[in-house]
Structures are given as structure tokens and as C-alpha cells.
Amino acid sequence: MANRINRREFVERVAGAALALPLVPRAGAASPDPAPVDKRKDFHGIFAILETPFTPANAIDEEDLAHEVDFCVRCGAHGLVWPQLAAEFFLLSREERMRGAEVIIRAAAGRRPVVIGVQEPYKEVAIKLAHHAEDKGANAIIAIPPFMGGAGLEIAADYYRSLAQAVRLPIFVQNSGQPWGPAMSTEFIIRQAKEFPQLAYIKEEVSPAPHRLGVYAKSGAMTGIFSGSAGRNLLNEMSRGSSGTMPACEFIDINAQVYDLAAAGKTKEAYELFEKLLPMINLEQTYGMVFAKSVLVRRGIFKTAKMREETGLKLDQYDQKELDFWWRQLQPYFRA
């Protein structure tokens, strides 16, 4: 999704206290040795990136967040992910992220795997969030690399190894490139996965993502091979051996049907439905979270499209006209 953000508030929140946090192992926590991977975590399909709903008072709307989970499950999403870039994680406090994770895990009630985002500039804070996610019943965690102060690959490698030593969950490495940390090479990610099998899960967004996913598939080292970028290359990527994609959730029922058709060998039908979805992907890529939240309001999931940090960006009458046209093409395929 488009990243129209201001990191100042986020940076100010974490910079003062994060480095002072002691890295104290929990009772019963994993040893420094690589933790065993649960081989049942063979994730495939469409993993919905949840948006964060806000009340008029700028608090997380927990009721709408739970509704969003149920919406994604009813729509056929194969998994749930929160909070990543589309969820404005960088504007959420640590306490809000923990509380939101609890709401989502409880609302999912085991119906779908839940992947909790733990990214922070400092590994000590990320590990604290990872411990919480594991304790509350998450099925996996996901994290972009350290993204402050020009952190390079050595810091990224230490960051992911530290997460792998701290929890027993599968860990998705999100590779989005700047401004969200260094763009990591396929060789770097495969090397990490071979050292720590928990890190054999990727959300790849560095271009050209389809080619890079093909490299992961051929390596034999990766267990979960996913893309992002609104799922715009899903069918191209599936033919190369990808596991699926992680798009924002406003049209997750359409994403899921495209994947299911392609996975069932119904290639023509998959491409025909994907063709109807592409204009919506284009609008999302143009307007980002404003578009996604506006659609969730239209679909009756969110009460408001409020952003925590307002940008002034709104869909105008011409955007609405295009949305209306493609809405009519997709509406027969809506599941909720």
C-alpha cells in the first residue's frame, strides 16, 4: 500500500526507552539454540492484512477490529496479519499493539492462523512483543527489519536471529526496502532460513517480487513464500511456486476466490476474476489506507475511515465514480 506516513511520533515514542529494556528470558522460554519449527505451520493462501479502526476520540475501536476479523473469516481469508504498514503500526503504542493482538486472537478463535507484527527499531522491544504474541496464542509473528539510523544487514541479521532464539513461533521476514529497513537480498534471506528454520517464511515486496519468489521456491530452504503489494502479481507468483500473498483486507473475498480458483487449476476463471480486481488494486496503490478504510466503511465493517494521523487525502467525486463502476463488477462475488 502507499506509505504516506510521518514517523516522527513513532520515533519519539521508542527512542528514549527502548535501549534501556533488559533482555530477560521468560520462565520456560526457548534456549539460545535454534528453536524447533512446528512443521504443521505450512501456510498457504491469502493472509489478510487488517486495518486499524479508530474511534472519533482516536482510540482503537476494538469492536470494529473484532468485526474485521469475522469479516475476513467469512470472506474466506486463509490467515490474518496485524499490525503491519497498512495498520499504521508506527502510530500505535506498545500497549495498544498488545491489546489489539489479544482482540484479534480472541476473535479468530482458532478459525484461522493469526500472524502478529512485532517490528520495532530495537530488538529488545520486538522480543517483548513476540513473547506477548506467543503467550496469547498467535500462530506466527512477522517483522520488517530495523528501520532507523541506517541499519544495515549485520544489524538485520542479529535482529532476526534474536527473535528466532526468543520464541518458538514461525517468523515471517517482511522485506519491503526503504524506508522500512534495508532491502535484503534473496541470498541473505535464504542463508538466514538455513541457519534458523523459523525464519524460512518471507513476505517479499522488493521488486521484481515474482522473480525473487521464484528464487525462494527453487532454494528448497523456504517454508512460506508470500508477497505483498496488494497482491497485484498473485497469479504470476503462484506459477513460480509461491505460497500466497498478504493484501489489505477490503476485498479479501475476491483475493481468496482468485487464489482458490488458481490453486484448483481453474486458471481461466482465476484470471477473469483477477481482471475485475485489478482496478481496485490500482486505486489502493494510489490512495493507500484512505481507500482501504473507505471500502471497509462501505462494506459495513468500519464505522469510520478515520486515520490516526490525518493526511487530508480523501476520495473525490471522480474516484468515487470509478469505485462505483468496478464495485458493480465485483459485487456478485462478495461473500459478506
Protein backbone atom coordinates (compact mmCIF):
# COMPACT_ATOMS: atom_id res chain seq x y z
CA MET A 1 0.00 0.00 0.00
CA ALA A 2 1.04 3.59 -0.41
CA ASN A 3 3.08 4.73 2.59
CA ARG A 4 2.04 8.32 3.31
CA ILE A 5 3.37 8.45 6.84
CA ASN A 6 5.12 10.60 9.36
CA ARG A 7 7.47 8.61 11.56
CA ARG A 8 8.29 11.49 13.95
CA GLU A 9 5.75 10.49 16.60
CA PHE A 10 6.78 6.85 16.38
CA VAL A 11 10.49 7.61 16.62
CA GLU A 12 9.98 9.87 19.62
CA ARG A 13 7.96 7.19 21.35
CA VAL A 14 10.53 4.42 21.07
CA ALA A 15 13.87 6.17 21.05
CA GLY A 16 14.01 7.20 24.70
CA ALA A 17 13.16 3.97 26.46
CA ALA A 18 13.79 1.06 24.12
CA LEU A 19 17.51 0.68 24.61
CA ALA A 20 17.09 0.55 28.39
CA LEU A 21 14.88 -2.53 28.29
CA PRO A 22 16.68 -5.59 29.68
CA LEU A 23 16.53 -8.74 27.60
CA VAL A 24 15.41 -11.14 30.33
CA PRO A 25 14.37 -14.66 29.29
CA ARG A 26 10.91 -15.74 30.38
CA ALA A 27 10.43 -18.78 32.51
CA GLY A 28 10.30 -21.70 30.12
CA ALA A 29 11.41 -19.58 27.17
CA ALA A 30 13.42 -21.02 24.32
CA SER A 31 17.14 -21.51 24.87
CA PRO A 32 19.69 -19.61 22.76
CA ASP A 33 19.82 -22.66 20.48
CA PRO A 34 17.64 -22.53 17.36
CA ALA A 35 14.10 -23.40 18.42
CA PRO A 36 12.42 -26.35 16.69
CA VAL A 37 9.95 -25.44 13.98
CA ASP A 38 6.42 -26.80 14.06
CA LYS A 39 6.21 -28.42 10.62
CA ARG A 40 2.41 -28.11 10.68
CA LYS A 41 2.80 -24.39 10.03
CA ASP A 42 2.60 -24.88 6.28
CA PHE A 43 0.89 -21.60 5.50
CA HIS A 44 -0.76 -21.11 2.12
CA GLY A 45 -3.30 -18.77 0.57
CA ILE A 46 -4.48 -15.23 1.19
CA PHE A 47 -3.41 -13.80 4.54
CA ALA A 48 -5.41 -10.64 5.17
CA ILE A 49 -3.58 -7.56 6.43
CA LEU A 50 -6.04 -5.97 8.86
CA GLU A 51 -6.51 -2.21 9.02
CA THR A 52 -6.73 -0.47 12.42
CA PRO A 53 -10.12 1.19 13.07
CA PHE A 54 -10.20 4.30 15.25
CA THR A 55 -12.96 5.95 17.25
CA PRO A 56 -13.67 9.71 16.94
CA ALA A 57 -11.55 10.06 20.10
CA ASN A 58 -8.61 8.44 18.26
CA ALA A 59 -8.62 5.21 20.28
CA ILE A 60 -8.56 1.79 18.65
CA ASP A 61 -12.15 0.70 18.03
CA GLU A 62 -11.94 -2.83 19.43
CA GLU A 63 -15.50 -3.66 18.36
CA ASP A 64 -14.72 -2.85 14.72
CA LEU A 65 -11.40 -4.67 14.93
CA ALA A 66 -13.23 -7.83 16.03
CA HIS A 67 -15.79 -7.27 13.25
CA GLU A 68 -12.93 -7.04 10.77
CA VAL A 69 -11.61 -10.42 11.90
CA ASP A 70 -15.03 -12.04 11.49
CA PHE A 71 -15.45 -10.36 8.09
CA CYS A 72 -12.15 -11.81 6.86
CA VAL A 73 -13.01 -15.28 8.11
CA ARG A 74 -16.46 -15.19 6.46
CA CYS A 75 -14.85 -13.96 3.26
CA GLY A 76 -12.57 -16.99 3.08
CA ALA A 77 -9.22 -15.47 4.06
CA HIS A 78 -6.72 -18.20 4.81
CA GLY A 79 -4.95 -16.23 7.56
CA LEU A 80 -4.89 -12.91 9.43
CA VAL A 81 -2.00 -10.48 9.93
CA TRP A 82 -1.81 -7.39 12.21
CA PRO A 83 -0.41 -4.77 12.67
CA GLN A 84 1.75 -4.07 9.63
CA LEU A 85 2.22 -0.98 7.46
CA ALA A 86 -1.42 -0.91 6.40
CA ALA A 87 -2.42 -0.94 10.08
CA GLU A 88 -0.48 2.22 10.99
CA PHE A 89 1.62 0.20 13.45
CA PHE A 90 4.08 3.08 13.66
CA LEU A 91 1.41 5.24 15.34
CA LEU A 92 0.29 2.65 17.89
CA SER A 93 1.70 2.42 21.39
CA ARG A 94 3.21 -0.84 22.58
CA GLU A 95 0.21 -1.31 24.90
CA GLU A 96 -2.24 -0.74 22.03
CA ARG A 97 -0.44 -3.30 19.90
CA MET A 98 -0.58 -5.90 22.66
CA ARG A 99 -4.23 -5.21 23.37
CA GLY A 100 -5.11 -5.30 19.65
CA ALA A 101 -3.31 -8.63 19.25
CA GLU A 102 -5.38 -10.06 22.09
CA VAL A 103 -8.62 -8.83 20.49
CA ILE A 104 -7.71 -10.40 17.14
CA ILE A 105 -6.55 -13.74 18.55
CA ARG A 106 -9.70 -13.99 20.65
CA ALA A 107 -11.98 -13.03 17.74
CA ALA A 108 -10.29 -15.52 15.40
CA ALA A 109 -10.91 -18.25 17.99
CA GLY A 110 -8.69 -20.70 16.16
CA ARG A 111 -10.65 -20.42 12.92
CA ARG A 112 -7.67 -19.00 11.04
CA PRO A 113 -3.95 -18.70 11.79
CA VAL A 114 -3.05 -15.32 13.25
CA VAL A 115 0.30 -13.67 12.47
CA ILE A 116 1.23 -10.79 14.78
CA GLY A 117 3.57 -7.99 13.70
CA VAL A 118 6.37 -7.28 16.19
CA GLN A 119 8.62 -4.88 14.25
CA GLU A 120 10.40 -2.19 16.23
CA PRO A 121 13.68 -0.36 15.64
CA TYR A 122 15.26 -2.17 18.59
CA LYS A 123 15.31 -5.93 19.05
CA GLU A 124 14.63 -5.73 22.79
CA VAL A 125 11.20 -4.21 22.15
CA ALA A 126 10.44 -6.59 19.26
CA ILE A 127 11.26 -9.55 21.51
CA LYS A 128 8.89 -8.25 24.19
CA LEU A 129 6.09 -8.05 21.62
CA ALA A 130 7.00 -11.51 20.28
CA HIS A 131 6.83 -13.01 23.78
CA HIS A 132 3.38 -11.48 24.23
CA ALA A 133 2.14 -12.78 20.87
CA GLU A 134 3.37 -16.28 21.64
CA ASP A 135 1.88 -16.27 25.13
CA LYS A 136 -1.53 -15.14 23.82
CA GLY A 137 -1.73 -17.86 21.17
CA ALA A 138 -0.51 -16.34 17.91
CA ASN A 139 0.43 -18.88 15.23
CA ALA A 140 3.37 -16.87 13.86
CA ILE A 141 4.99 -13.45 14.01
CA ILE A 142 6.13 -11.09 11.26
CA ALA A 143 8.62 -8.23 11.30
CA ILE A 144 10.25 -5.77 8.96
CA PRO A 145 13.96 -5.27 9.76
CA PRO A 146 15.26 -2.42 11.93
CA PHE A 147 14.40 0.79 10.08
CA MET A 148 16.06 3.64 11.97
CA GLY A 149 19.55 5.11 11.80
CA GLY A 150 20.52 3.48 8.53
CA ALA A 151 20.60 -0.04 10.00
CA GLY A 152 22.36 -2.43 7.62
CA LEU A 153 22.36 -6.15 7.00
CA GLU A 154 24.51 -7.06 10.02
CA ILE A 155 22.01 -5.42 12.36
CA ALA A 156 19.12 -7.04 10.48
CA ALA A 157 20.75 -10.48 10.77
CA ASP A 158 21.25 -10.07 14.53
CA TYR A 159 17.68 -8.80 14.90
CA TYR A 160 16.10 -11.83 13.22
CA ARG A 161 18.41 -14.32 14.93
CA SER A 162 17.49 -12.79 18.28
CA LEU A 163 13.79 -13.21 17.52
CA ALA A 164 14.35 -16.83 16.49
CA GLN A 165 16.16 -17.51 19.76
CA ALA A 166 13.45 -15.84 21.83
CA VAL A 167 10.29 -17.64 20.63
CA ARG A 168 9.31 -20.93 19.04
CA LEU A 169 6.89 -19.47 16.52
CA PRO A 170 7.46 -19.30 12.77
CA ILE A 171 8.78 -15.86 11.83
CA PHE A 172 7.87 -14.07 8.60
CA VAL A 173 10.63 -11.77 7.38
CA GLN A 174 8.98 -8.79 5.67
CA ASN A 175 11.29 -7.38 3.01
CA SER A 176 9.88 -4.02 1.91
CA GLY A 177 13.04 -1.97 1.41
CA GLN A 178 13.46 1.68 2.27
CA PRO A 179 12.18 3.49 4.26
CA TRP A 180 11.40 0.29 6.16
CA GLY A 181 14.91 -1.03 6.63
CA PRO A 182 17.47 -2.33 4.15
CA ALA A 183 16.35 -4.20 1.04
CA MET A 184 17.62 -7.69 1.78
CA SER A 185 18.88 -9.95 -1.00
CA THR A 186 17.36 -13.35 -1.65
CA GLU A 187 20.74 -14.87 -0.76
CA PHE A 188 20.71 -13.13 2.62
CA ILE A 189 17.19 -14.33 3.44
CA ILE A 190 17.86 -17.90 2.32
CA ARG A 191 21.06 -18.00 4.37
CA GLN A 192 19.14 -16.86 7.46
CA ALA A 193 16.46 -19.52 6.85
CA LYS A 194 19.06 -22.27 6.59
CA GLU A 195 20.61 -21.19 9.89
CA PHE A 196 17.27 -20.77 11.68
CA PRO A 197 14.36 -22.69 10.05
CA GLN A 198 11.92 -20.47 11.95
CA LEU A 199 13.00 -17.71 9.54
CA ALA A 200 12.01 -19.72 6.45
CA TYR A 201 8.93 -17.52 5.94
CA ILE A 202 9.04 -14.43 3.74
CA LYS A 203 6.77 -11.57 2.78
CA GLU A 204 8.61 -10.18 -0.24
CA GLU A 205 7.89 -6.69 -1.57
CA VAL A 206 11.19 -5.75 -3.18
CA SER A 207 10.91 -5.56 -6.97
CA PRO A 208 10.76 -7.70 -9.02
CA ALA A 209 8.93 -9.72 -6.40
CA PRO A 210 7.74 -12.53 -8.73
CA HIS A 211 11.32 -13.32 -9.78
CA ARG A 212 12.52 -13.22 -6.18
CA LEU A 213 9.74 -15.56 -5.05
CA GLY A 214 10.84 -17.96 -7.76
CA VAL A 215 14.35 -17.94 -6.30
CA TYR A 216 12.99 -18.78 -2.85
CA ALA A 217 10.90 -21.63 -4.27
CA LYS A 218 13.89 -23.15 -6.07
CA SER A 219 16.11 -22.89 -2.98
CA GLY A 220 14.27 -25.57 -1.06
CA ALA A 221 15.02 -23.63 2.13
CA MET A 222 11.76 -21.68 2.48
CA THR A 223 8.58 -22.96 4.09
CA GLY A 224 6.26 -19.99 3.45
CA ILE A 225 6.78 -17.79 0.37
CA PHE A 226 4.45 -14.78 0.30
CA SER A 227 4.30 -11.40 -1.41
CA GLY A 228 2.59 -8.13 -0.51
CA SER A 229 2.00 -5.03 -2.63
CA ALA A 230 -1.78 -5.57 -2.61
CA GLY A 231 -1.41 -8.98 -4.26
CA ARG A 232 -1.04 -7.37 -7.69
CA ASN A 233 1.19 -10.18 -9.02
CA LEU A 234 -0.55 -13.10 -7.33
CA LEU A 235 -1.14 -15.31 -10.38
CA ASN A 236 2.32 -14.63 -11.80
CA GLU A 237 3.80 -15.58 -8.44
CA MET A 238 1.73 -18.72 -7.92
CA SER A 239 3.05 -20.17 -11.15
CA ARG A 240 6.58 -19.74 -9.76
CA GLY A 241 5.87 -21.69 -6.58
CA SER A 242 4.75 -19.01 -4.12
CA SER A 243 2.59 -19.88 -1.13
CA GLY A 244 0.27 -16.88 -1.43
CA THR A 245 0.09 -13.18 -0.74
CA MET A 246 -0.75 -10.72 2.05
CA PRO A 247 -3.02 -7.94 0.77
CA ALA A 248 -5.08 -5.42 2.71
CA CYS A 249 -8.47 -6.86 3.51
CA GLU A 250 -11.10 -4.62 1.91
CA PHE A 251 -11.65 -7.07 -1.00
CA ILE A 252 -10.31 -10.15 0.72
CA ASP A 253 -13.18 -12.33 -0.51
CA ILE A 254 -12.17 -11.58 -4.11
CA ASN A 255 -8.48 -12.19 -3.37
CA ALA A 256 -9.34 -15.51 -1.75
CA GLN A 257 -11.51 -16.64 -4.66
CA VAL A 258 -8.79 -15.80 -7.18
CA TYR A 259 -6.31 -17.86 -5.18
CA ASP A 260 -8.71 -20.78 -4.68
CA LEU A 261 -9.59 -20.90 -8.38
CA ALA A 262 -5.93 -20.88 -9.40
CA ALA A 263 -5.00 -23.49 -6.79
CA ALA A 264 -7.80 -25.71 -8.12
CA GLY A 265 -6.41 -25.45 -11.66
CA LYS A 266 -9.21 -23.17 -12.87
CA THR A 267 -6.75 -20.76 -14.44
CA LYS A 268 -9.11 -19.07 -16.91
CA GLU A 269 -11.69 -18.32 -14.21
CA ALA A 270 -8.96 -17.06 -11.88
CA TYR A 271 -7.65 -14.61 -14.48
CA GLU A 272 -11.15 -13.40 -15.36
CA LEU A 273 -11.94 -12.57 -11.73
CA PHE A 274 -8.47 -11.10 -11.14
CA GLU A 275 -9.05 -8.77 -14.09
CA LYS A 276 -12.05 -7.28 -12.25
CA LEU A 277 -9.99 -6.81 -9.08
CA LEU A 278 -7.02 -5.06 -10.71
CA PRO A 279 -8.66 -1.59 -10.96
CA MET A 280 -9.35 -1.73 -7.22
CA ILE A 281 -5.72 -2.68 -6.59
CA ASN A 282 -4.74 0.34 -8.66
CA LEU A 283 -6.94 2.63 -6.53
CA GLU A 284 -5.48 1.16 -3.35
CA GLN A 285 -1.93 1.63 -4.60
CA THR A 286 -2.79 5.25 -5.45
CA TYR A 287 -4.60 6.26 -2.24
CA GLY A 288 -3.37 3.71 0.28
CA MET A 289 -5.04 3.26 3.65
CA VAL A 290 -7.59 6.01 2.94
CA PHE A 291 -9.01 3.89 0.13
CA ALA A 292 -8.92 0.63 2.10
CA LYS A 293 -10.72 2.10 5.10
CA SER A 294 -13.28 3.84 2.90
CA VAL A 295 -14.16 0.49 1.33
CA LEU A 296 -14.46 -1.15 4.75
CA VAL A 297 -16.93 1.57 5.74
CA ARG A 298 -18.87 0.98 2.52
CA ARG A 299 -18.95 -2.74 3.27
CA GLY A 300 -20.34 -2.11 6.77
CA ILE A 301 -17.28 -3.28 8.71
CA PHE A 302 -15.93 0.05 10.00
CA LYS A 303 -17.98 2.92 11.35
CA THR A 304 -15.49 5.47 10.06
CA ALA A 305 -12.48 5.69 7.73
CA LYS A 306 -10.61 7.77 10.32
CA MET A 307 -6.83 7.76 10.20
CA ARG A 308 -4.90 8.34 13.39
CA GLU A 309 -2.70 10.84 11.60
CA GLU A 310 -4.89 12.64 9.09
CA THR A 311 -3.24 13.48 5.76
CA GLY A 312 -6.12 15.46 4.26
CA LEU A 313 -6.35 12.91 1.46
CA LYS A 314 -9.92 11.96 0.52
CA LEU A 315 -11.55 10.17 -2.38
CA ASP A 316 -13.13 12.83 -4.59
CA GLN A 317 -16.14 12.52 -6.89
CA TYR A 318 -14.06 11.10 -9.74
CA ASP A 319 -12.51 8.47 -7.51
CA GLN A 320 -15.97 7.57 -6.22
CA LYS A 321 -17.26 7.26 -9.77
CA GLU A 322 -14.52 4.80 -10.67
CA LEU A 323 -15.04 2.92 -7.42
CA ASP A 324 -18.77 2.67 -8.15
CA PHE A 325 -18.15 1.24 -11.62
CA TRP A 326 -15.79 -1.52 -10.51
CA TRP A 327 -17.85 -2.17 -7.39
CA ARG A 328 -20.71 -3.32 -9.60
CA GLN A 329 -18.38 -5.74 -11.39
CA LEU A 330 -17.21 -7.28 -8.10
CA GLN A 331 -20.40 -7.19 -6.05
CA PRO A 332 -21.74 -10.57 -7.30
CA TYR A 333 -18.60 -12.16 -5.82
CA PHE A 334 -18.87 -10.60 -2.36
CA ARG A 335 -19.21 -13.15 0.43
CA ALA A 336 -20.08 -10.76 3.23
